[in-house]
Amino acid sequence: MALFLEVRHRITPITNTAFDLFVDFYADTVVPAMERHGIDLIGAWKVSGGEMGWDLSIHRYENMAHAEQALASLGQDTALWSAVEKLRGEIEIEETTKFANRVSYGTEARLEAALNANPDQPRQYMLAVLQTATGGLLPAIDQIGNLVDTLEPSGALQLVTAYATRIGRTGELTDLWIMPGGASGMLEYRAGDPLREVIEPLREHAPEESIYYLNPLPYSKLQ
């Protein structure tokens, strides 16, 4: 089962100029370094919602041994870290990371389908982060699997992948979705709950959820 590393950077000052500088640097310097050291960067996005100035990227590894080897090799890349030090004279970069395991409903087939698609333009993504109650992780995984089976045939959302935090906050589940119709429809208020039969059982096991909207960066494989 795939191991993911989720990486978030907060770039300050919070200006478009600073963020553009970070994106150019990542594309020209960091991504080639990752490729040299066998790191599979499957997706990278600018995050909308909440605190400003954040990006998010996801690496995919075969297992923890592969991750440790690749990241240790990257850490010895003197050219990369010399360039990072120069960049820090212009912007500040805060980094947070977490390792996670792919869960059953976030199948490899779904991820490969999203990676192999060739959209005419970058797609809108949504990240759902759920915190499960004590003992609620496995029941929540089952319930979200039911939710995926309900939503995908409607065309409202398409699941890309899903993972449970391995090193980080205990009981945390993350779902990455494509939004074929964009974010606008999700922001409208509609009375009633057509998904009540699925959502109410889910809330018994995952009472907390945060939503973030993601826009692909130029070097993201997931566009």
Protein backbone atom coordinates (compact mmCIF):
# COMPACT_ATOMS: atom_id res chain seq x y z
CA MET A 1 0.00 0.00 0.00
CA ALA A 2 1.34 3.43 -0.96
CA LEU A 3 2.90 5.74 1.59
CA PHE A 4 2.28 9.45 1.13
CA LEU A 5 4.16 12.44 2.47
CA GLU A 6 2.01 15.57 2.63
CA VAL A 7 4.07 18.77 2.68
CA ARG A 8 2.75 22.26 3.33
CA HIS A 9 4.71 25.49 2.96
CA ARG A 10 3.67 28.91 4.16
CA ILE A 11 5.37 31.68 2.22
CA THR A 12 5.81 35.14 3.71
CA PRO A 13 5.40 37.97 3.11
CA ILE A 14 1.85 37.13 2.02
CA THR A 15 2.04 38.69 -1.44
CA ASN A 16 1.60 37.34 -4.95
CA THR A 17 5.16 38.41 -5.71
CA ALA A 18 6.57 36.25 -2.91
CA PHE A 19 4.40 33.27 -3.83
CA ASP A 20 5.35 33.54 -7.51
CA LEU A 21 9.02 33.61 -6.51
CA PHE A 22 8.51 30.42 -4.49
CA VAL A 23 6.68 28.69 -7.36
CA ASP A 24 9.39 29.58 -9.88
CA PHE A 25 12.10 28.38 -7.51
CA TYR A 26 10.27 25.12 -6.82
CA ALA A 27 9.73 24.45 -10.52
CA ASP A 28 13.29 25.30 -11.58
CA THR A 29 15.27 23.93 -8.61
CA VAL A 30 13.34 21.73 -6.18
CA VAL A 31 11.38 19.55 -8.60
CA PRO A 32 14.50 18.59 -10.64
CA ALA A 33 16.27 17.78 -7.36
CA MET A 34 13.39 15.54 -6.30
CA GLU A 35 13.55 13.73 -9.62
CA ARG A 36 17.31 13.20 -9.19
CA HIS A 37 16.69 11.51 -5.85
CA GLY A 38 13.74 9.34 -6.84
CA ILE A 39 10.93 11.34 -5.21
CA ASP A 40 7.55 11.05 -6.94
CA LEU A 41 5.83 14.43 -6.57
CA ILE A 42 2.31 13.57 -7.68
CA GLY A 43 0.58 16.86 -6.94
CA ALA A 44 1.15 20.44 -5.84
CA TRP A 45 -1.42 23.18 -5.27
CA LYS A 46 -2.00 26.65 -3.93
CA VAL A 47 -4.38 26.44 -0.96
CA SER A 48 -7.46 28.66 -0.75
CA GLY A 49 -9.33 29.10 2.51
CA GLY A 50 -8.11 29.70 6.03
CA GLU A 51 -4.72 31.24 6.68
CA MET A 52 -3.24 32.72 3.51
CA GLY A 53 0.10 31.99 1.88
CA TRP A 54 0.07 28.18 1.86
CA ASP A 55 0.87 25.58 -0.76
CA LEU A 56 0.38 21.81 -0.43
CA SER A 57 2.17 18.97 -2.17
CA ILE A 58 2.00 15.18 -1.99
CA HIS A 59 4.88 12.76 -2.53
CA ARG A 60 4.28 9.04 -3.13
CA TYR A 61 6.66 6.33 -1.88
CA GLU A 62 6.64 2.54 -1.97
CA ASN A 63 7.15 2.28 1.79
CA MET A 64 8.86 4.02 4.72
CA ALA A 65 12.28 2.61 3.82
CA HIS A 66 11.97 4.11 0.33
CA ALA A 67 10.91 7.47 1.81
CA GLU A 68 13.79 7.54 4.29
CA GLN A 69 16.34 6.66 1.61
CA ALA A 70 15.05 9.24 -0.91
CA LEU A 71 14.72 12.05 1.62
CA ALA A 72 18.16 11.33 3.10
CA SER A 73 19.61 11.49 -0.40
CA LEU A 74 17.81 14.78 -1.05
CA GLY A 75 19.18 16.13 2.21
CA GLN A 76 22.73 15.62 0.89
CA ASP A 77 22.10 17.62 -2.29
CA THR A 78 24.42 20.57 -1.65
CA ALA A 79 23.38 22.43 -4.80
CA LEU A 80 19.75 22.39 -3.70
CA TRP A 81 20.39 23.61 -0.17
CA SER A 82 22.77 26.30 -1.35
CA ALA A 83 19.97 27.61 -3.59
CA VAL A 84 17.48 27.40 -0.69
CA GLU A 85 19.74 29.55 1.48
CA LYS A 86 19.89 32.22 -1.23
CA LEU A 87 16.10 32.20 -1.54
CA ARG A 88 15.68 32.69 2.21
CA GLY A 89 17.21 36.12 1.80
CA GLU A 90 14.12 37.14 -0.18
CA ILE A 91 11.21 35.17 1.34
CA GLU A 92 10.51 33.08 4.45
CA ILE A 93 9.30 29.49 4.10
CA GLU A 94 7.63 27.57 6.92
CA GLU A 95 7.28 23.83 6.31
CA THR A 96 5.05 21.21 7.95
CA THR A 97 4.90 17.54 6.96
CA LYS A 98 3.01 14.37 7.74
CA PHE A 99 3.31 10.77 6.62
CA ALA A 100 0.13 8.89 5.76
CA ASN A 101 -1.01 5.51 4.47
CA ARG A 102 -3.46 5.14 1.59
CA VAL A 103 -6.82 3.78 2.78
CA SER A 104 -9.02 1.22 1.07
CA TYR A 105 -11.48 3.49 -0.75
CA GLY A 106 -8.65 5.68 -2.08
CA THR A 107 -7.64 3.03 -4.58
CA GLU A 108 -4.52 3.09 -6.70
CA ALA A 109 -6.77 2.85 -9.76
CA ARG A 110 -8.49 6.12 -8.86
CA LEU A 111 -5.16 7.88 -8.41
CA GLU A 112 -3.76 6.53 -11.67
CA ALA A 113 -6.91 7.58 -13.55
CA ALA A 114 -6.53 11.14 -12.26
CA LEU A 115 -2.81 11.19 -13.08
CA ASN A 116 -3.36 9.83 -16.60
CA ALA A 117 -6.15 12.24 -17.48
CA ASN A 118 -5.30 15.01 -19.89
CA PRO A 119 -7.66 17.87 -18.98
CA ASP A 120 -8.00 20.85 -21.28
CA GLN A 121 -7.33 23.13 -18.33
CA PRO A 122 -6.29 22.67 -14.68
CA ARG A 123 -9.05 21.17 -12.55
CA GLN A 124 -10.37 22.48 -9.24
CA TYR A 125 -9.54 20.22 -6.29
CA MET A 126 -10.94 19.96 -2.78
CA LEU A 127 -9.18 18.56 0.28
CA ALA A 128 -11.37 17.24 3.09
CA VAL A 129 -9.62 16.60 6.41
CA LEU A 130 -11.66 14.61 8.92
CA GLN A 131 -10.86 13.98 12.57
CA THR A 132 -12.30 10.74 13.84
CA ALA A 133 -13.45 9.96 17.36
CA THR A 134 -11.59 7.44 19.51
CA GLY A 135 -12.05 4.05 17.89
CA GLY A 136 -13.82 5.65 14.92
CA LEU A 137 -11.15 5.41 12.23
CA LEU A 138 -12.15 2.07 10.68
CA PRO A 139 -15.92 2.75 10.83
CA ALA A 140 -15.31 6.18 9.26
CA ILE A 141 -13.33 4.58 6.43
CA ASP A 142 -16.30 2.31 5.72
CA GLN A 143 -18.76 5.22 5.79
CA ILE A 144 -16.64 7.42 3.51
CA GLY A 145 -16.38 4.51 1.11
CA ASN A 146 -20.19 4.56 0.96
CA LEU A 147 -20.10 8.33 0.39
CA VAL A 148 -17.66 7.91 -2.52
CA ASP A 149 -19.91 5.29 -4.10
CA THR A 150 -22.84 7.72 -3.80
CA LEU A 151 -21.12 10.86 -5.08
CA GLU A 152 -19.03 9.60 -7.99
CA PRO A 153 -21.89 8.28 -10.18
CA SER A 154 -23.59 11.69 -9.87
CA GLY A 155 -20.57 13.47 -11.34
CA ALA A 156 -20.54 15.97 -8.47
CA LEU A 157 -17.11 14.91 -7.19
CA GLN A 158 -14.38 12.48 -8.23
CA LEU A 159 -12.13 10.98 -5.57
CA VAL A 160 -8.41 11.07 -6.39
CA THR A 161 -6.92 9.44 -3.31
CA ALA A 162 -7.40 9.18 0.44
CA TYR A 163 -5.04 8.57 3.33
CA ALA A 164 -4.89 8.18 7.09
CA THR A 165 -2.19 10.03 9.00
CA ARG A 166 0.58 7.70 10.12
CA ILE A 167 2.94 10.20 11.75
CA GLY A 168 0.99 13.21 12.98
CA ARG A 169 -2.46 13.68 14.46
CA THR A 170 -3.96 10.32 15.44
CA GLY A 171 -7.24 9.37 13.76
CA GLU A 172 -7.00 11.92 10.93
CA LEU A 173 -8.35 11.06 7.46
CA THR A 174 -7.72 13.11 4.33
CA ASP A 175 -9.67 12.88 1.06
CA LEU A 176 -8.53 14.54 -2.17
CA TRP A 177 -11.35 15.23 -4.64
CA ILE A 178 -11.64 16.68 -8.13
CA MET A 179 -14.54 19.11 -8.50
CA PRO A 180 -15.67 18.82 -12.15
CA GLY A 181 -18.01 21.79 -11.80
CA GLY A 182 -15.59 23.95 -9.83
CA ALA A 183 -16.05 25.30 -6.32
CA SER A 184 -19.02 27.60 -6.97
CA GLY A 185 -21.68 24.92 -6.63
CA MET A 186 -20.20 23.77 -3.33
CA LEU A 187 -20.44 27.26 -1.87
CA GLU A 188 -24.17 27.70 -2.44
CA TYR A 189 -26.54 27.21 0.46
CA ARG A 190 -29.21 24.58 -0.17
CA ALA A 191 -31.80 23.62 2.40
CA GLY A 192 -32.18 19.94 3.18
CA ASP A 193 -29.68 17.10 3.16
CA PRO A 194 -29.91 14.65 0.25
CA LEU A 195 -26.93 12.74 1.68
CA ARG A 196 -28.39 12.43 5.18
CA GLU A 197 -28.40 8.62 5.19
CA VAL A 198 -24.66 8.60 4.52
CA ILE A 199 -23.49 11.72 6.35
CA GLU A 200 -25.26 11.23 9.68
CA PRO A 201 -23.66 7.81 10.32
CA LEU A 202 -20.31 9.26 9.25
CA ARG A 203 -20.60 12.08 11.80
CA GLU A 204 -20.91 9.54 14.60
CA HIS A 205 -17.36 8.42 13.81
CA ALA A 206 -15.85 11.60 12.28
CA PRO A 207 -17.42 14.61 14.05
CA GLU A 208 -14.88 17.18 12.78
CA GLU A 209 -14.12 18.12 9.17
CA SER A 210 -12.25 20.95 7.43
CA ILE A 211 -12.42 21.78 3.72
CA TYR A 212 -9.73 23.44 1.61
CA TYR A 213 -9.85 24.36 -2.09
CA LEU A 214 -6.76 23.63 -4.16
CA ASN A 215 -5.57 25.02 -7.48
CA PRO A 216 -2.78 23.10 -9.30
CA LEU A 217 0.67 24.67 -9.59
CA PRO A 218 2.53 24.41 -12.93
CA TYR A 219 4.74 21.49 -11.85
CA SER A 220 1.92 19.36 -10.45
CA LYS A 221 1.33 16.03 -12.21
CA LEU A 222 -2.29 16.29 -11.09
CA GLN A 223 -3.70 19.10 -13.22
